[in-house]
C-alpha atoms as a PDB file:
ATOM      1  CA  MET A   1    -102.183 136.890-107.144  1.00  0.00           C
ATOM      2  CA  ALA A   2    -103.895 138.916-109.635  1.00  0.00           C
ATOM      3  CA  HIS A   3    -104.811 142.599-110.712  1.00  0.00           C
ATOM      4  CA  GLY A   4    -106.808 144.773-113.012  1.00  0.00           C
ATOM      5  CA  HIS A   5    -105.950 144.809-116.767  1.00  0.00           C
ATOM      6  CA  GLN A   6    -106.955 145.370-120.369  1.00  0.00           C
ATOM      7  CA  GLY A   7    -107.924 142.406-122.790  1.00  0.00           C
ATOM      8  CA  PRO A   8    -107.672 138.824-122.174  1.00  0.00           C
ATOM      9  CA  GLN A   9    -103.978 137.306-121.620  1.00  0.00           C
ATOM     10  CA  ARG A  10    -102.940 133.869-121.035  1.00  0.00           C
ATOM     11  CA  HIS A  11    -100.366 132.924-118.678  1.00  0.00           C
ATOM     12  CA  GLN A  12     -99.434 129.268-117.624  1.00  0.00           C
ATOM     13  CA  GLY A  13    -102.556 128.176-119.751  1.00  0.00           C
ATOM     14  CA  HIS A  14    -104.844 130.184-118.068  1.00  0.00           C
ATOM     15  CA  THR A  15    -106.727 133.317-119.465  1.00  0.00           C
ATOM     16  CA  ALA A  16    -106.568 136.295-116.989  1.00  0.00           C
ATOM     17  CA  ARG A  17    -110.232 137.315-116.421  1.00  0.00           C
ATOM     18  CA  LYS A  18    -111.137 141.232-116.354  1.00  0.00           C
ATOM     19  CA  ARG A  19    -114.073 140.820-114.148  1.00  0.00           C
ATOM     20  CA  PHE A  20    -111.804 139.197-111.401  1.00  0.00           C
ATOM     21  CA  GLY A  21    -109.071 141.840-111.876  1.00  0.00           C
ATOM     22  CA  GLN A  22    -106.767 139.102-112.937  1.00  0.00           C
ATOM     23  CA  ASN A  23    -102.791 139.940-113.454  1.00  0.00           C
ATOM     24  CA  PHE A  24    -100.295 137.481-112.389  1.00  0.00           C
ATOM     25  CA  LEU A  25     -97.288 138.214-110.230  1.00  0.00           C
ATOM     26  CA  VAL A  26     -94.118 136.860-112.390  1.00  0.00           C
ATOM     27  CA  ASP A  27     -91.344 138.672-111.094  1.00  0.00           C
ATOM     28  CA  LYS A  28     -89.197 136.239-108.961  1.00  0.00           C
ATOM     29  CA  ASP A  29     -87.252 138.935-107.404  1.00  0.00           C
ATOM     30  CA  ILE A  30     -90.327 140.644-106.144  1.00  0.00           C
ATOM     31  CA  ILE A  31     -91.878 137.496-105.026  1.00  0.00           C
ATOM     32  CA  SER A  32     -89.110 136.505-102.884  1.00  0.00           C
ATOM     33  CA  GLN A  33     -89.035 139.943-101.535  1.00  0.00           C
ATOM     34  CA  ILE A  34     -92.867 139.709-100.311  1.00  0.00           C
ATOM     35  CA  VAL A  35     -92.311 136.428 -98.828  1.00  0.00           C
ATOM     36  CA  THR A  36     -89.444 137.702 -96.839  1.00  0.00           C
ATOM     37  CA  SER A  37     -91.319 140.275 -95.637  1.00  0.00           C
ATOM     38  CA  ILE A  38     -94.281 138.016 -94.451  1.00  0.00           C
ATOM     39  CA  ALA A  39     -91.744 135.550 -92.908  1.00  0.00           C
ATOM     40  CA  PRO A  40     -93.832 132.584 -92.688  1.00  0.00           C
ATOM     41  CA  LYS A  41     -93.217 129.730 -90.298  1.00  0.00           C
ATOM     42  CA  PRO A  42     -94.298 126.343 -89.805  1.00  0.00           C
ATOM     43  CA  GLY A  43     -97.569 125.998 -87.810  1.00  0.00           C
ATOM     44  CA  GLU A  44     -98.591 129.619 -88.483  1.00  0.00           C
ATOM     45  CA  PHE A  45    -102.334 129.972 -89.616  1.00  0.00           C
ATOM     46  CA  ILE A  46    -102.019 131.767 -93.006  1.00  0.00           C
ATOM     47  CA  VAL A  47    -104.798 132.664 -95.549  1.00  0.00           C
ATOM     48  CA  GLU A  48    -104.013 133.759 -98.786  1.00  0.00           C
ATOM     49  CA  ILE A  49    -106.593 135.916-100.504  1.00  0.00           C
ATOM     50  CA  GLY A  50    -106.938 134.978-104.288  1.00  0.00           C
ATOM     51  CA  PRO A  51    -104.050 132.985-104.968  1.00  0.00           C
ATOM     52  CA  GLY A  52    -104.391 133.042-108.450  1.00  0.00           C
ATOM     53  CA  LEU A  53    -101.557 130.841-110.255  1.00  0.00           C
ATOM     54  CA  GLY A  54     -99.880 130.360-107.113  1.00  0.00           C
ATOM     55  CA  ALA A  55     -96.824 132.838-107.465  1.00  0.00           C
ATOM     56  CA  LEU A  56     -97.145 133.494-103.778  1.00  0.00           C
ATOM     57  CA  THR A  57     -98.815 130.080-102.625  1.00  0.00           C
ATOM     58  CA  VAL A  58     -95.962 127.970-103.609  1.00  0.00           C
ATOM     59  CA  PRO A  59     -93.047 129.546-101.470  1.00  0.00           C
ATOM     60  CA  LEU A  60     -95.633 130.147 -98.571  1.00  0.00           C
ATOM     61  CA  LEU A  61     -96.496 126.634 -98.548  1.00  0.00           C
ATOM     62  CA  ALA A  62     -92.867 125.674 -98.708  1.00  0.00           C
ATOM     63  CA  ALA A  63     -92.334 127.672 -95.553  1.00  0.00           C
ATOM     64  CA  CYS A  64     -95.227 126.862 -93.470  1.00  0.00           C
ATOM     65  CA  GLY A  65     -96.464 123.457 -94.776  1.00  0.00           C
ATOM     66  CA  LYS A  66    -100.311 124.364 -94.858  1.00  0.00           C
ATOM     67  CA  LEU A  67    -102.149 127.018 -96.347  1.00  0.00           C
ATOM     68  CA  HIS A  68    -105.660 128.352 -96.456  1.00  0.00           C
ATOM     69  CA  VAL A  69    -106.593 129.970 -99.613  1.00  0.00           C
ATOM     70  CA  VAL A  70    -109.965 132.269-100.869  1.00  0.00           C
ATOM     71  CA  GLU A  71    -110.554 131.783-104.545  1.00  0.00           C
ATOM     72  CA  ILE A  72    -113.707 132.704-106.702  1.00  0.00           C
ATOM     73  CA  ASP A  73    -112.309 131.682-110.072  1.00  0.00           C
ATOM     74  CA  ARG A  74    -113.741 128.081-110.989  1.00  0.00           C
ATOM     75  CA  ASP A  75    -110.923 127.426-113.251  1.00  0.00           C
ATOM     76  CA  LEU A  76    -108.345 128.530-110.572  1.00  0.00           C
ATOM     77  CA  ILE A  77    -110.076 126.515-108.004  1.00  0.00           C
ATOM     78  CA  ALA A  78    -109.915 123.188-109.957  1.00  0.00           C
ATOM     79  CA  ARG A  79    -106.090 123.899-110.795  1.00  0.00           C
ATOM     80  CA  LEU A  80    -105.659 124.457-106.773  1.00  0.00           C
ATOM     81  CA  HIS A  81    -107.359 121.087-106.186  1.00  0.00           C
ATOM     82  CA  GLN A  82    -105.425 119.433-109.021  1.00  0.00           C
ATOM     83  CA  THR A  83    -102.191 120.755-107.684  1.00  0.00           C
ATOM     84  CA  TYR A  84    -102.295 120.223-103.926  1.00  0.00           C
ATOM     85  CA  SER A  85    -103.468 117.775-101.412  1.00  0.00           C
ATOM     86  CA  PRO A  86    -106.441 118.720 -99.034  1.00  0.00           C
ATOM     87  CA  GLU A  87    -103.615 118.556 -96.129  1.00  0.00           C
ATOM     88  CA  GLN A  88    -101.536 121.226 -97.954  1.00  0.00           C
ATOM     89  CA  VAL A  89    -104.168 123.640 -99.112  1.00  0.00           C
ATOM     90  CA  THR A  90    -107.512 124.161 -98.031  1.00  0.00           C
ATOM     91  CA  VAL A  91    -109.489 125.861-100.669  1.00  0.00           C
ATOM     92  CA  HIS A  92    -112.496 128.172 -99.616  1.00  0.00           C
ATOM     93  CA  GLU A  93    -114.510 128.749-102.787  1.00  0.00           C
ATOM     94  CA  GLY A  94    -116.053 132.061-103.177  1.00  0.00           C
ATOM     95  CA  ASP A  95    -116.051 135.887-102.726  1.00  0.00           C
ATOM     96  CA  ALA A  96    -113.599 137.287-100.143  1.00  0.00           C
ATOM     97  CA  LEU A  97    -115.868 139.967 -99.754  1.00  0.00           C
ATOM     98  CA  GLU A  98    -118.555 137.792 -98.209  1.00  0.00           C
ATOM     99  CA  PHE A  99    -116.190 135.116 -96.525  1.00  0.00           C
ATOM    100  CA  ASP A 100    -116.512 134.374 -92.902  1.00  0.00           C
ATOM    101  CA  PHE A 101    -112.789 134.752 -91.727  1.00  0.00           C
ATOM    102  CA  SER A 102    -114.013 133.975 -88.069  1.00  0.00           C
ATOM    103  CA  ARG A 103    -114.150 130.264 -89.414  1.00  0.00           C
ATOM    104  CA  LEU A 104    -110.518 129.985 -89.410  1.00  0.00           C
ATOM    105  CA  PRO A 105    -108.284 129.586 -86.719  1.00  0.00           C
ATOM    106  CA  ALA A 106    -106.809 132.527 -84.732  1.00  0.00           C
ATOM    107  CA  PRO A 107    -104.455 134.269 -84.786  1.00  0.00           C
ATOM    108  CA  LEU A 108    -104.538 134.544 -88.510  1.00  0.00           C
ATOM    109  CA  ARG A 109    -102.169 136.127 -90.874  1.00  0.00           C
ATOM    110  CA  VAL A 110    -103.837 136.850 -94.022  1.00  0.00           C
ATOM    111  CA  VAL A 111    -101.906 137.767 -97.104  1.00  0.00           C
ATOM    112  CA  GLY A 112    -102.796 138.199-100.909  1.00  0.00           C
ATOM    113  CA  ASN A 113    -102.723 140.406-103.869  1.00  0.00           C
ATOM    114  CA  LEU A 114    -106.136 142.480-103.508  1.00  0.00           C
ATOM    115  CA  PRO A 115    -107.837 142.947-106.777  1.00  0.00           C
ATOM    116  CA  TYR A 116    -108.423 146.784-107.636  1.00  0.00           C
ATOM    117  CA  ASN A 117    -112.083 146.722-107.988  1.00  0.00           C
ATOM    118  CA  ILE A 118    -112.662 145.384-104.446  1.00  0.00           C
ATOM    119  CA  SER A 119    -109.831 146.516-102.326  1.00  0.00           C
ATOM    120  CA  THR A 120    -111.361 149.273-100.332  1.00  0.00           C
ATOM    121  CA  PRO A 121    -114.386 147.158 -99.481  1.00  0.00           C
ATOM    122  CA  LEU A 122    -112.405 144.036 -98.640  1.00  0.00           C
ATOM    123  CA  LEU A 123    -110.150 146.261 -96.430  1.00  0.00           C
ATOM    124  CA  PHE A 124    -113.419 147.326 -94.471  1.00  0.00           C
ATOM    125  CA  HIS A 125    -114.612 143.695 -94.487  1.00  0.00           C
ATOM    126  CA  LEU A 126    -111.343 142.356 -92.919  1.00  0.00           C
ATOM    127  CA  ALA A 127    -111.575 145.275 -90.158  1.00  0.00           C
ATOM    128  CA  ASP A 128    -114.500 143.386 -88.541  1.00  0.00           C
ATOM    129  CA  TYR A 129    -112.142 140.398 -87.904  1.00  0.00           C
ATOM    130  CA  ALA A 130    -109.275 142.652 -86.603  1.00  0.00           C
ATOM    131  CA  ASP A 131    -109.255 140.891 -83.259  1.00  0.00           C
ATOM    132  CA  ARG A 132    -108.836 137.551 -84.667  1.00  0.00           C
ATOM    133  CA  VAL A 133    -105.700 138.698 -86.894  1.00  0.00           C
ATOM    134  CA  ARG A 134    -102.301 138.852 -86.102  1.00  0.00           C
ATOM    135  CA  ASP A 135    -101.004 140.683 -89.210  1.00  0.00           C
ATOM    136  CA  MET A 136    -101.721 141.434 -92.917  1.00  0.00           C
ATOM    137  CA  THR A 137     -99.527 141.835 -95.931  1.00  0.00           C
ATOM    138  CA  PHE A 138    -101.228 143.053 -99.055  1.00  0.00           C
ATOM    139  CA  MET A 139    -100.325 144.134-102.603  1.00  0.00           C
ATOM    140  CA  LEU A 140    -102.328 146.603-103.500  1.00  0.00           C
ATOM    141  CA  GLN A 141    -102.718 149.767-106.007  1.00  0.00           C
ATOM    142  CA  LYS A 142    -100.060 152.414-104.715  1.00  0.00           C
ATOM    143  CA  GLU A 143    -102.445 155.027-104.621  1.00  0.00           C
ATOM    144  CA  VAL A 144    -104.579 152.856-102.310  1.00  0.00           C
ATOM    145  CA  VAL A 145    -101.672 152.272-100.170  1.00  0.00           C
ATOM    146  CA  GLN A 146    -100.678 155.890 -99.919  1.00  0.00           C
ATOM    147  CA  ARG A 147    -104.422 156.896 -98.797  1.00  0.00           C
ATOM    148  CA  MET A 148    -103.905 154.004 -96.136  1.00  0.00           C
ATOM    149  CA  VAL A 149    -101.175 155.540 -94.516  1.00  0.00           C
ATOM    150  CA  ALA A 150    -101.676 159.355 -95.245  1.00  0.00           C
ATOM    151  CA  GLU A 151    -101.230 161.711 -92.297  1.00  0.00           C
ATOM    152  CA  PRO A 152    -103.495 164.596 -91.383  1.00  0.00           C
ATOM    153  CA  GLY A 153    -103.095 167.574 -93.933  1.00  0.00           C
ATOM    154  CA  GLU A 154    -101.861 165.271 -96.922  1.00  0.00           C
ATOM    155  CA  GLU A 155    -103.733 165.130 -99.975  1.00  0.00           C
ATOM    156  CA  ALA A 156    -104.210 161.288 -99.798  1.00  0.00           C
ATOM    157  CA  TYR A 157    -105.498 161.479 -95.975  1.00  0.00           C
ATOM    158  CA  GLY A 158    -109.271 160.754 -95.905  1.00  0.00           C
ATOM    159  CA  ARG A 159    -111.982 158.272 -94.535  1.00  0.00           C
ATOM    160  CA  LEU A 160    -109.865 155.094 -95.643  1.00  0.00           C
ATOM    161  CA  SER A 161    -106.837 156.517 -93.733  1.00  0.00           C
ATOM    162  CA  VAL A 162    -108.994 157.510 -90.536  1.00  0.00           C
ATOM    163  CA  MET A 163    -110.842 154.225 -90.456  1.00  0.00           C
ATOM    164  CA  LEU A 164    -107.794 151.785 -90.888  1.00  0.00           C
ATOM    165  CA  GLN A 165    -105.636 153.531 -88.692  1.00  0.00           C
ATOM    166  CA  TYR A 166    -108.261 153.529 -85.998  1.00  0.00           C
ATOM    167  CA  ARG A 167    -107.743 149.733 -86.053  1.00  0.00           C
ATOM    168  CA  TYR A 168    -104.414 149.134 -87.280  1.00  0.00           C
ATOM    169  CA  ALA A 169    -100.401 150.099 -87.255  1.00  0.00           C
ATOM    170  CA  MET A 170     -99.530 150.405 -90.998  1.00  0.00           C
ATOM    171  CA  ALA A 171     -96.629 150.837 -93.039  1.00  0.00           C
ATOM    172  CA  SER A 172     -95.856 150.840 -96.882  1.00  0.00           C
ATOM    173  CA  LEU A 173     -92.962 148.401 -97.385  1.00  0.00           C
ATOM    174  CA  PHE A 174     -92.193 148.621-101.020  1.00  0.00           C
ATOM    175  CA  ASP A 175     -93.442 149.583-104.541  1.00  0.00           C
ATOM    176  CA  VAL A 176     -94.194 146.918-107.232  1.00  0.00           C
ATOM    177  CA  PRO A 177     -93.932 148.047-110.802  1.00  0.00           C
ATOM    178  CA  GLY A 178     -96.231 147.046-113.452  1.00  0.00           C
ATOM    179  CA  SER A 179     -93.570 145.097-115.296  1.00  0.00           C
ATOM    180  CA  ALA A 180     -93.842 142.572-112.456  1.00  0.00           C
ATOM    181  CA  PHE A 181     -96.982 141.470-113.693  1.00  0.00           C
ATOM    182  CA  ASN A 182     -98.289 139.489-116.749  1.00  0.00           C
ATOM    183  CA  PRO A 183    -100.228 141.066-118.183  1.00  0.00           C
ATOM    184  CA  PRO A 184     -98.682 144.314-116.912  1.00  0.00           C
ATOM    185  CA  PRO A 185    -101.259 146.758-115.199  1.00  0.00           C
ATOM    186  CA  LYS A 186    -101.058 150.348-116.027  1.00  0.00           C
ATOM    187  CA  VAL A 187    -100.422 151.241-112.466  1.00  0.00           C
ATOM    188  CA  THR A 188     -97.609 150.793-109.860  1.00  0.00           C
ATOM    189  CA  SER A 189     -98.521 148.609-106.854  1.00  0.00           C
ATOM    190  CA  ALA A 190     -97.221 148.696-103.169  1.00  0.00           C
ATOM    191  CA  ILE A 191     -96.849 146.278-100.523  1.00  0.00           C
ATOM    192  CA  VAL A 192     -98.742 147.335 -97.000  1.00  0.00           C
ATOM    193  CA  TYR A 193     -98.121 145.646 -93.739  1.00  0.00           C
ATOM    194  CA  MET A 194    -100.942 145.967 -91.308  1.00  0.00           C
ATOM    195  CA  ARG A 195    -100.923 144.753 -87.516  1.00  0.00           C
ATOM    196  CA  PRO A 196    -104.267 145.416 -85.553  1.00  0.00           C
ATOM    197  CA  LEU A 197    -103.661 147.528 -82.627  1.00  0.00           C
ATOM    198  CA  PRO A 198    -103.813 146.070 -79.074  1.00  0.00           C
ATOM    199  CA  ALA A 199    -107.242 145.975 -77.439  1.00  0.00           C
ATOM    200  CA  THR A 200    -105.839 148.750 -74.944  1.00  0.00           C
ATOM    201  CA  ALA A 201    -105.576 151.041 -77.896  1.00  0.00           C
ATOM    202  CA  LEU A 202    -108.141 153.953 -78.877  1.00  0.00           C
ATOM    203  CA  LYS A 203    -111.357 152.684 -78.344  1.00  0.00           C
ATOM    204  CA  CYS A 204    -114.540 154.575 -79.614  1.00  0.00           C
ATOM    205  CA  ALA A 205    -117.743 154.314 -77.681  1.00  0.00           C
ATOM    206  CA  ASN A 206    -119.754 153.882 -80.819  1.00  0.00           C
ATOM    207  CA  PRO A 207    -117.535 152.922 -83.810  1.00  0.00           C
ATOM    208  CA  GLY A 208    -120.538 153.191 -86.351  1.00  0.00           C
ATOM    209  CA  LEU A 209    -121.119 156.724 -85.275  1.00  0.00           C
ATOM    210  CA  MET A 210    -117.566 157.608 -85.706  1.00  0.00           C
ATOM    211  CA  GLY A 211    -117.578 155.884 -89.337  1.00  0.00           C
ATOM    212  CA  LYS A 212    -120.698 158.265 -90.068  1.00  0.00           C
ATOM    213  CA  VAL A 213    -118.927 161.275 -88.675  1.00  0.00           C
ATOM    214  CA  VAL A 214    -115.673 160.572 -90.782  1.00  0.00           C
ATOM    215  CA  THR A 215    -117.768 159.874 -93.931  1.00  0.00           C
ATOM    216  CA  ALA A 216    -119.456 163.342 -93.410  1.00  0.00           C
ATOM    217  CA  ALA A 217    -116.208 165.225 -92.856  1.00  0.00           C
ATOM    218  CA  PHE A 218    -114.738 163.858 -95.895  1.00  0.00           C
ATOM    219  CA  GLY A 219    -117.873 163.803 -98.028  1.00  0.00           C
ATOM    220  CA  GLN A 220    -117.227 167.441 -99.141  1.00  0.00           C
ATOM    221  CA  ARG A 221    -113.728 168.148 -98.883  1.00  0.00           C
ATOM    222  CA  ARG A 222    -113.982 171.729 -99.663  1.00  0.00           C
ATOM    223  CA  LYS A 223    -116.606 172.580 -96.795  1.00  0.00           C
ATOM    224  CA  THR A 224    -115.777 173.335 -93.132  1.00  0.00           C
ATOM    225  CA  LEU A 225    -116.577 171.068 -90.414  1.00  0.00           C
ATOM    226  CA  ARG A 226    -119.299 173.440 -89.198  1.00  0.00           C
ATOM    227  CA  ASN A 227    -121.069 172.785 -92.415  1.00  0.00           C
ATOM    228  CA  THR A 228    -120.021 168.893 -92.679  1.00  0.00           C
ATOM    229  CA  LEU A 229    -120.542 167.988 -88.926  1.00  0.00           C
ATOM    230  CA  LYS A 230    -123.740 170.391 -88.648  1.00  0.00           C
ATOM    231  CA  PRO A 231    -126.297 167.391 -87.922  1.00  0.00           C
ATOM    232  CA  TRP A 232    -124.213 166.721 -84.707  1.00  0.00           C
ATOM    233  CA  LEU A 233    -122.558 170.116 -83.726  1.00  0.00           C
ATOM    234  CA  GLU A 234    -123.166 173.307 -82.578  1.00  0.00           C
ATOM    235  CA  MET A 235    -120.748 176.380 -82.253  1.00  0.00           C
ATOM    236  CA  ASP A 236    -120.808 175.485 -78.466  1.00  0.00           C
ATOM    237  CA  ASP A 237    -119.828 172.023 -79.106  1.00  0.00           C
ATOM    238  CA  PHE A 238    -116.731 172.971 -81.123  1.00  0.00           C
ATOM    239  CA  VAL A 239    -115.645 175.166 -78.192  1.00  0.00           C
ATOM    240  CA  GLN A 240    -116.361 172.432 -75.791  1.00  0.00           C
ATOM    241  CA  LEU A 241    -113.889 170.074 -78.028  1.00  0.00           C
ATOM    242  CA  GLY A 242    -111.427 172.621 -78.536  1.00  0.00           C
ATOM    243  CA  LEU A 243    -111.639 172.596 -82.271  1.00  0.00           C
ATOM    244  CA  ASP A 244    -111.947 175.235 -84.974  1.00  0.00           C
ATOM    245  CA  SER A 245    -115.033 174.862 -86.840  1.00  0.00           C
ATOM    246  CA  GLN A 246    -113.513 176.801 -89.680  1.00  0.00           C
ATOM    247  CA  GLU A 247    -111.038 173.554 -90.178  1.00  0.00           C
ATOM    248  CA  ARG A 248    -111.633 170.974 -92.652  1.00  0.00           C
ATOM    249  CA  GLY A 249    -111.871 167.351 -92.132  1.00  0.00           C
ATOM    250  CA  GLU A 250    -108.495 166.740 -93.693  1.00  0.00           C
ATOM    251  CA  ARG A 251    -106.840 168.259 -90.727  1.00  0.00           C
ATOM    252  CA  LEU A 252    -108.283 166.231 -87.843  1.00  0.00           C
ATOM    253  CA  SER A 253    -106.299 163.355 -86.427  1.00  0.00           C
ATOM    254  CA  VAL A 254    -107.665 159.757 -85.675  1.00  0.00           C
ATOM    255  CA  VAL A 255    -107.794 160.679 -82.165  1.00  0.00           C
ATOM    256  CA  ASP A 256    -109.767 164.061 -82.744  1.00  0.00           C
ATOM    257  CA  PHE A 257    -112.578 161.906 -84.798  1.00  0.00           C
ATOM    258  CA  VAL A 258    -112.685 159.415 -81.661  1.00  0.00           C
ATOM    259  CA  ARG A 259    -112.935 162.371 -79.397  1.00  0.00           C
ATOM    260  CA  ILE A 260    -115.824 163.963 -81.599  1.00  0.00           C
ATOM    261  CA  ALA A 261    -117.530 160.785 -81.870  1.00  0.00           C
ATOM    262  CA  ASP A 262    -117.520 159.830 -78.076  1.00  0.00           C
ATOM    263  CA  TYR A 263    -118.713 163.534 -77.560  1.00  0.00           C
ATOM    264  CA  ILE A 264    -121.687 163.323 -79.560  1.00  0.00           C
ATOM    265  CA  HIS A 265    -122.371 159.616 -78.170  1.00  0.00           C
ATOM    266  CA  ALA A 266    -122.211 161.250 -74.637  1.00  0.00           C
ATOM    267  CA  GLY A 267    -124.737 163.951 -75.863  1.00  0.00           C
ATOM    268  CA  GLN A 268    -127.006 161.495 -77.197  1.00  0.00           C
ATOM    269  CA  ASP A 269    -127.010 159.008 -74.026  1.00  0.00           C
ATOM    270  CA  ALA A 270    -127.728 162.163 -71.823  1.00  0.00           C
ATOM    271  CA  ALA A 271    -130.538 163.291 -73.891  1.00  0.00           C
ATOM    272  CA  ARG A 272    -132.071 159.792 -74.118  1.00  0.00           C
ATOM    273  CA  SER A 273    -131.693 159.552 -69.994  1.00  0.00           C
ATOM    274  CA  THR A 274    -133.537 162.938 -69.618  1.00  0.00           C
ATOM    275  CA  GLN A 275    -136.369 161.877 -71.787  1.00  0.00           C
ATOM    276  CA  SER A 276    -137.088 158.764 -69.954  1.00  0.00           C
END
């Protein structure tokens, strides 16, 4: 498990690399708290992103007997191959941002300490595989976790909150101080638990369109919806939707964004059918 830091530091003979955002988790109590919250069991398919020096790999393997890992650092990959047999640990070499998680058996449990520099794009990448995932437990920068679980009207509420809450039920479990790592990062981390919502949950007719609407609504936070959603909605549309055009994006719930996207999508469909 690795995180962002300054300057080269060595731990267990490995020099932490800044470009991979490496800090190694060393606090035994925190490690055991994380493993307890994951509660791994034999026979489950668990994939660890960025196993690093194995702080979590060792106890996870002890609990479930077999593990998949995704690692980009060649030195750490070599170390994994030296330490574990292929029957214990299947190593997938490469960038988690480009990894096809559908290659792994479902239902998948995903865990890891996501490097600061790729955490947001990686969460969006993993959302594409939500239907194959049972749950995900990650360590992230605390401020990212706060954004993920924020409610409408809170300062941290934004695009990340809406797009992830559309797919997952999420909870921030506990904080992890910088002192739990070697080298210690300057920020506090937090553990977040994510469970994909059932197929019967909120479904948007056009998720790509919803993504554009959400991005626009939060693109200029001080602007009202009348301005940010101008490409799609006129004053009459706000009336139809029962929304105040003078509101800002951060006041809208996930349900509101789905309603807006579905309304625009239906209008586009109607326009197409009258043209044809």
